[in-house]
Protein backbone atom coordinates (compact mmCIF):
# COMPACT_ATOMS: atom_id res chain seq x y z
CA UNK A 1 0.00 0.00 0.00
CA UNK A 2 2.98 2.30 -0.54
CA UNK A 3 1.01 4.11 -3.25
CA UNK A 4 -1.13 5.69 -0.53
CA UNK A 5 0.11 8.77 1.35
CA UNK A 6 -0.81 7.57 4.83
CA UNK A 7 -1.23 10.09 7.62
CA UNK A 8 0.39 7.60 9.99
CA UNK A 9 3.41 5.62 8.70
CA UNK A 10 2.93 1.83 8.55
CA UNK A 11 6.13 1.48 10.57
CA UNK A 12 4.06 2.49 13.63
CA UNK A 13 2.02 -0.69 13.37
CA UNK A 14 4.99 -2.85 12.41
CA UNK A 15 7.11 -1.75 15.36
CA UNK A 16 4.19 -2.16 17.77
CA UNK A 17 3.51 -5.68 16.47
CA UNK A 18 7.17 -6.50 17.05
CA UNK A 19 6.82 -5.36 20.67
CA UNK A 20 3.62 -7.34 21.18
CA UNK A 21 5.17 -10.50 19.77
CA UNK A 22 8.42 -10.32 21.66
CA UNK A 23 10.74 -13.29 21.73
CA UNK A 24 9.81 -15.66 24.59
CA UNK A 25 12.14 -15.52 27.58
CA UNK A 26 14.26 -18.26 29.08
CA UNK A 27 12.63 -21.12 30.91
CA UNK A 28 9.67 -21.51 28.54
CA UNK A 29 9.18 -25.10 27.43
CA UNK A 30 10.23 -25.93 23.89
CA UNK A 31 6.69 -26.66 22.71
CA UNK A 32 5.58 -23.23 23.86
CA UNK A 33 8.54 -21.67 22.05
CA UNK A 34 7.48 -23.36 18.81
CA UNK A 35 3.97 -21.98 19.19
CA UNK A 36 5.34 -18.50 19.76
CA UNK A 37 7.60 -18.85 16.73
CA UNK A 38 4.61 -19.86 14.60
CA UNK A 39 2.64 -16.83 15.82
CA UNK A 40 5.47 -14.48 14.92
CA UNK A 41 5.89 -16.18 11.56
CA UNK A 42 2.21 -15.69 10.74
CA UNK A 43 2.09 -12.03 11.71
CA UNK A 44 5.52 -10.63 10.88
CA UNK A 45 5.98 -12.16 7.44
CA UNK A 46 4.81 -9.15 5.47
CA UNK A 47 1.31 -8.18 4.36
CA UNK A 48 -0.50 -5.02 3.37
CA UNK A 49 -1.42 -3.95 6.93
CA UNK A 50 -4.60 -2.65 5.33
CA UNK A 51 -6.92 -3.12 8.28
CA UNK A 52 -4.63 -1.53 10.85
CA UNK A 53 -3.96 1.46 8.61
CA UNK A 54 -7.68 1.87 8.00
CA UNK A 55 -8.37 2.00 11.72
CA UNK A 56 -5.67 4.62 12.27
CA UNK A 57 -6.76 6.73 9.31
CA UNK A 58 -10.45 6.60 10.25
CA UNK A 59 -9.61 7.72 13.77
CA UNK A 60 -7.46 10.52 12.36
CA UNK A 61 -10.17 11.67 10.01
CA UNK A 62 -12.60 12.33 12.87
CA UNK A 63 -10.02 13.49 15.45
CA UNK A 64 -7.38 15.34 13.46
CA UNK A 65 -4.44 16.62 15.47
CA UNK A 66 -6.22 15.80 18.73
CA UNK A 67 -5.85 12.06 18.19
CA UNK A 68 -3.63 10.29 20.72
CA UNK A 69 -2.24 7.63 18.40
CA UNK A 70 -0.70 5.63 21.24
CA UNK A 71 -4.18 4.93 22.60
CA UNK A 72 -5.45 3.29 19.42
CA UNK A 73 -2.32 1.56 18.12
CA UNK A 74 -3.11 -1.58 20.17
CA UNK A 75 -6.54 -1.82 18.51
CA UNK A 76 -4.97 -1.41 15.07
CA UNK A 77 -2.53 -4.21 15.87
CA UNK A 78 -5.33 -6.39 17.25
CA UNK A 79 -7.01 -6.27 13.84
CA UNK A 80 -3.77 -7.49 12.25
CA UNK A 81 -3.61 -10.38 14.72
CA UNK A 82 -7.19 -11.37 13.88
CA UNK A 83 -6.49 -11.12 10.17
CA UNK A 84 -3.31 -13.20 10.54
CA UNK A 85 -5.14 -15.90 12.49
CA UNK A 86 -7.81 -16.09 9.78
CA UNK A 87 -5.16 -16.57 7.08
CA UNK A 88 -3.43 -19.33 9.07
CA UNK A 89 -6.71 -21.20 9.39
CA UNK A 90 -7.84 -20.48 5.81
CA UNK A 91 -4.63 -22.05 4.49
CA UNK A 92 -5.17 -25.34 6.36
CA UNK A 93 -5.80 -28.52 4.33
CA UNK A 94 -9.35 -28.67 5.70
CA UNK A 95 -10.07 -25.27 4.13
CA UNK A 96 -8.10 -23.82 1.19
CA UNK A 97 -5.15 -26.23 1.45
CA UNK A 98 -2.63 -23.53 0.49
CA UNK A 99 1.04 -24.47 0.61
CA UNK A 100 2.28 -20.88 0.36
CA UNK A 101 1.29 -17.48 1.71
CA UNK A 102 2.99 -14.20 0.81
CA UNK A 103 5.57 -16.00 -1.26
CA UNK A 104 6.76 -18.43 1.42
CA UNK A 105 5.48 -21.63 3.08
CA UNK A 106 2.16 -21.23 4.82
CA UNK A 107 2.14 -21.62 8.59
CA UNK A 108 0.97 -25.26 8.60
CA UNK A 109 3.46 -26.16 5.86
CA UNK A 110 6.30 -24.89 8.04
CA UNK A 111 5.16 -25.85 11.54
CA UNK A 112 2.59 -28.61 11.02
CA UNK A 113 -1.19 -28.50 11.18
CA UNK A 114 -1.54 -28.82 14.95
CA UNK A 115 0.81 -25.95 15.69
CA UNK A 116 -0.80 -23.80 12.98
CA UNK A 117 -4.26 -24.34 14.47
CA UNK A 118 -2.98 -23.42 17.93
CA UNK A 119 -1.13 -20.38 16.55
CA UNK A 120 -4.36 -19.13 15.00
CA UNK A 121 -6.25 -19.73 18.24
CA UNK A 122 -3.58 -17.94 20.26
CA UNK A 123 -3.45 -14.96 17.91
CA UNK A 124 -7.20 -14.48 18.14
CA UNK A 125 -7.23 -14.57 21.94
CA UNK A 126 -4.18 -12.29 22.10
CA UNK A 127 -6.02 -9.79 19.91
CA UNK A 128 -8.89 -9.52 22.39
CA UNK A 129 -6.51 -9.38 25.33
CA UNK A 130 -4.92 -6.33 23.70
CA UNK A 131 -8.30 -4.79 22.86
CA UNK A 132 -9.35 -5.18 26.48
CA UNK A 133 -6.35 -3.20 27.68
CA UNK A 134 -3.64 -5.82 27.93
CA UNK A 135 -0.79 -3.31 27.51
CA UNK A 136 0.91 -0.84 29.81
CA UNK A 137 0.38 2.25 27.66
CA UNK A 138 -2.48 4.78 27.59
CA UNK A 139 -5.95 3.34 27.01
CA UNK A 140 -9.18 4.70 25.52
CA UNK A 141 -12.11 5.24 27.86
CA UNK A 142 -13.63 1.94 28.97
CA UNK A 143 -17.02 2.54 27.31
CA UNK A 144 -15.32 3.44 24.03
CA UNK A 145 -13.12 0.34 24.18
CA UNK A 146 -16.13 -1.87 24.92
CA UNK A 147 -18.00 -0.50 21.93
CA UNK A 148 -15.02 -1.14 19.66
CA UNK A 149 -14.53 -4.65 21.07
CA UNK A 150 -18.18 -5.49 20.46
CA UNK A 151 -18.00 -4.26 16.86
CA UNK A 152 -14.78 -6.16 16.12
CA UNK A 153 -16.01 -9.38 17.75
CA UNK A 154 -19.20 -9.29 15.67
CA UNK A 155 -17.27 -8.64 12.47
CA UNK A 156 -14.92 -11.57 13.14
CA UNK A 157 -17.63 -14.03 14.17
CA UNK A 158 -20.48 -16.01 12.70
CA UNK A 159 -22.20 -12.96 11.20
CA UNK A 160 -18.94 -11.78 9.66
CA UNK A 161 -15.58 -13.27 8.73
CA UNK A 162 -16.00 -16.78 10.18
CA UNK A 163 -19.54 -17.09 8.86
CA UNK A 164 -18.46 -15.93 5.42
CA UNK A 165 -15.72 -18.55 5.33
CA UNK A 166 -18.27 -21.21 6.29
CA UNK A 167 -20.51 -20.14 3.40
CA UNK A 168 -17.56 -20.19 1.01
CA UNK A 169 -16.62 -23.73 2.09
CA UNK A 170 -20.22 -24.92 1.78
CA UNK A 171 -20.45 -23.57 -1.75
CA UNK A 172 -17.18 -25.27 -2.69
CA UNK A 173 -18.52 -28.61 -1.45
CA UNK A 174 -21.91 -28.23 -3.20
CA UNK A 175 -21.15 -27.39 -6.80
CA UNK A 176 -24.78 -27.95 -7.79
CA UNK A 177 -25.83 -24.79 -6.00
CA UNK A 178 -27.12 -22.07 -8.29
CA UNK A 179 -25.50 -19.09 -6.61
CA UNK A 180 -27.05 -15.72 -7.38
CA UNK A 181 -25.06 -12.52 -7.67
CA UNK A 182 -26.56 -11.03 -4.51
CA UNK A 183 -25.57 -14.14 -2.55
CA UNK A 184 -21.97 -13.87 -3.72
CA UNK A 185 -21.76 -10.20 -2.79
CA UNK A 186 -23.24 -11.00 0.62
CA UNK A 187 -20.60 -13.69 1.17
CA UNK A 188 -17.91 -11.18 0.16
CA UNK A 189 -19.29 -8.67 2.67
CA UNK A 190 -18.98 -11.26 5.43
CA UNK A 191 -15.74 -13.09 4.67
CA UNK A 192 -13.58 -10.15 3.59
CA UNK A 193 -15.66 -7.02 3.90
CA UNK A 194 -16.63 -7.30 7.56
CA UNK A 195 -13.12 -6.83 8.94
CA UNK A 196 -12.39 -4.01 6.49
CA UNK A 197 -15.66 -2.29 7.36
CA UNK A 198 -15.13 -2.62 11.09
CA UNK A 199 -11.60 -1.26 10.82
CA UNK A 200 -13.13 1.98 9.56
CA UNK A 201 -16.09 1.92 11.95
CA UNK A 202 -14.08 1.04 15.06
CA UNK A 203 -11.45 3.61 14.11
CA UNK A 204 -14.13 6.29 13.96
CA UNK A 205 -15.49 5.14 17.33
CA UNK A 206 -12.04 5.15 18.95
CA UNK A 207 -11.42 8.58 17.46
CA UNK A 208 -14.57 9.91 19.14
CA UNK A 209 -16.47 10.45 15.91
CA UNK A 210 -20.11 11.48 16.04
CA UNK A 211 -22.97 9.33 14.71
CA UNK A 212 -22.81 10.72 11.16
CA UNK A 213 -19.04 10.39 10.96
CA UNK A 214 -19.10 6.80 12.18
CA UNK A 215 -21.85 5.93 9.70
CA UNK A 216 -20.01 7.58 6.78
CA UNK A 217 -16.81 5.69 7.53
CA UNK A 218 -18.72 2.44 7.98
CA UNK A 219 -20.26 2.92 4.52
CA UNK A 220 -16.85 3.71 3.10
CA UNK A 221 -15.52 0.48 4.59
CA UNK A 222 -18.40 -1.55 3.17
CA UNK A 223 -17.76 -0.35 -0.38
CA UNK A 224 -14.00 -0.60 0.00
CA UNK A 225 -14.31 -4.23 1.15
CA UNK A 226 -16.44 -5.05 -1.88
CA UNK A 227 -13.97 -3.41 -4.27
CA UNK A 228 -11.07 -5.18 -2.59
CA UNK A 229 -12.58 -8.68 -2.76
CA UNK A 230 -13.90 -8.41 -6.31
CA UNK A 231 -10.50 -7.21 -7.50
CA UNK A 232 -8.91 -10.07 -5.54
CA UNK A 233 -11.08 -12.47 -7.54
CA UNK A 234 -9.97 -10.78 -10.76
CA UNK A 235 -6.33 -11.22 -9.71
CA UNK A 236 -7.01 -14.92 -9.22
CA UNK A 237 -7.66 -15.04 -12.97
CA UNK A 238 -5.24 -12.44 -14.30
CA UNK A 239 -2.65 -12.00 -11.54
CA UNK A 240 0.93 -13.25 -11.57
CA UNK A 241 1.41 -15.80 -8.74
CA UNK A 242 4.99 -14.57 -8.29
CA UNK A 243 3.57 -11.12 -7.54
CA UNK A 244 0.44 -12.08 -5.58
CA UNK A 245 2.39 -14.56 -3.45
CA UNK A 246 -0.45 -17.10 -3.60
CA UNK A 247 0.41 -20.69 -4.40
CA UNK A 248 -3.22 -21.76 -4.58
CA UNK A 249 -5.95 -19.63 -6.11
CA UNK A 250 -9.68 -19.70 -5.45
CA UNK A 251 -10.21 -20.76 -9.06
CA UNK A 252 -7.93 -23.78 -8.60
CA UNK A 253 -9.80 -24.68 -5.40
CA UNK A 254 -13.20 -24.58 -7.12
CA UNK A 255 -14.27 -21.56 -5.08
CA UNK A 256 -17.12 -19.41 -6.33
CA UNK A 257 -15.60 -16.13 -7.49
CA UNK A 258 -16.88 -12.89 -9.02
CA UNK A 259 -15.58 -13.71 -12.54
CA UNK A 260 -17.34 -17.09 -12.35
CA UNK A 261 -20.66 -15.40 -11.52
CA UNK A 262 -20.42 -12.06 -13.34
CA UNK A 263 -17.74 -12.62 -15.96
CA UNK A 264 -14.37 -10.89 -15.99
CA UNK A 265 -15.40 -7.62 -17.64
CA UNK A 266 -18.43 -7.11 -15.38
CA UNK A 267 -16.36 -8.00 -12.32
CA UNK A 268 -13.91 -5.22 -13.18
CA UNK A 269 -16.80 -2.80 -13.67
CA UNK A 270 -18.31 -3.76 -10.31
CA UNK A 271 -14.98 -3.30 -8.56
CA UNK A 272 -14.59 0.18 -10.08
CA UNK A 273 -18.16 1.05 -9.11
CA UNK A 274 -17.56 -0.04 -5.51
CA UNK A 275 -14.36 2.01 -5.46
CA UNK A 276 -16.30 5.05 -6.64
CA UNK A 277 -18.99 4.49 -4.02
CA UNK A 278 -16.31 4.33 -1.32
CA UNK A 279 -14.93 7.69 -2.44
CA UNK A 280 -18.45 9.15 -2.51
CA UNK A 281 -19.03 8.02 1.10
CA UNK A 282 -16.28 10.44 2.15
CA UNK A 283 -18.06 13.52 0.78
CA UNK A 284 -18.63 15.01 4.24
CA UNK A 285 -14.89 14.95 4.94
CA UNK A 286 -12.30 17.27 3.47
CA UNK A 287 -8.60 16.86 2.88
CA UNK A 288 -8.18 14.87 6.07
CA UNK A 289 -9.68 11.85 4.25
CA UNK A 290 -7.41 12.05 1.20
CA UNK A 291 -5.46 8.90 2.10
CA UNK A 292 -8.74 6.96 2.24
CA UNK A 293 -9.71 8.30 -1.18
CA UNK A 294 -6.33 7.26 -2.57
CA UNK A 295 -6.76 3.81 -1.08
CA UNK A 296 -10.21 3.33 -2.63
CA UNK A 297 -8.70 4.00 -6.06
CA UNK A 298 -5.60 1.92 -5.43
CA UNK A 299 -7.33 -1.30 -4.34
CA UNK A 300 -8.71 -1.81 -7.85
CA UNK A 301 -5.37 -1.05 -9.52
CA UNK A 302 -3.03 -3.17 -7.39
CA UNK A 303 -1.21 -6.21 -8.73
CA UNK A 304 -1.28 -8.17 -5.47
């Protein structure tokens, strides 16, 4: 996402993640050390850091110079931990059976299935520990934190990311299903879109945005998530695996994708339309939302 002029440099999130996932100290049993190594491997092996940057930018849009970044950095990092856990589990043989992720062996390919499952479990629980104030630094007000936690938990659960993955798996196992376009877009909004949407919504909440600001950024996140996932499906058809870093595509795994339902040309049009709708959702904001506008345009132009 280097094409976006972020208000807050991505190094903020990266350095904070490094601190959260510190090397285990002496005296920890070897099995525990392996689990910790797998967690670090899953989180610190690159990635767009899209969700964490969205949370920071959304908070900055509604708070401006008054934002205390240190208070919301843990929440931004928690989203990355949740996203990382979901990728570890998605890559498992029982799901997408992906041997590589981000151009290197997937977590289960390197550490084994059992350790990968536990690493995903541990990353998810660590995320909520951090959200609940597990650090020593400054914290948001308790009622604000609770609201953000509730939003993030819902987006990651059965009505969001996990539920969307379940639908995707069910469709892959039942090829006779006649999937309608609205159903596919709904699945997209759950599996991928929910965590992107809540990054914007929770960021606005943590930045003390008012009702209209929170709603506008939630709508932005909804459209951005749609544009992101549809373009991802296009990249599964047209993308270079050496650039995308994916060793196993949704097409190869018989997943239902936007090009399969809409066709390639219409999928590209829908992604552009969603990108435009995301930009339009920011109308009430001025120059402080420019990075978010840039991002909405970039997600449908990226090569990975």
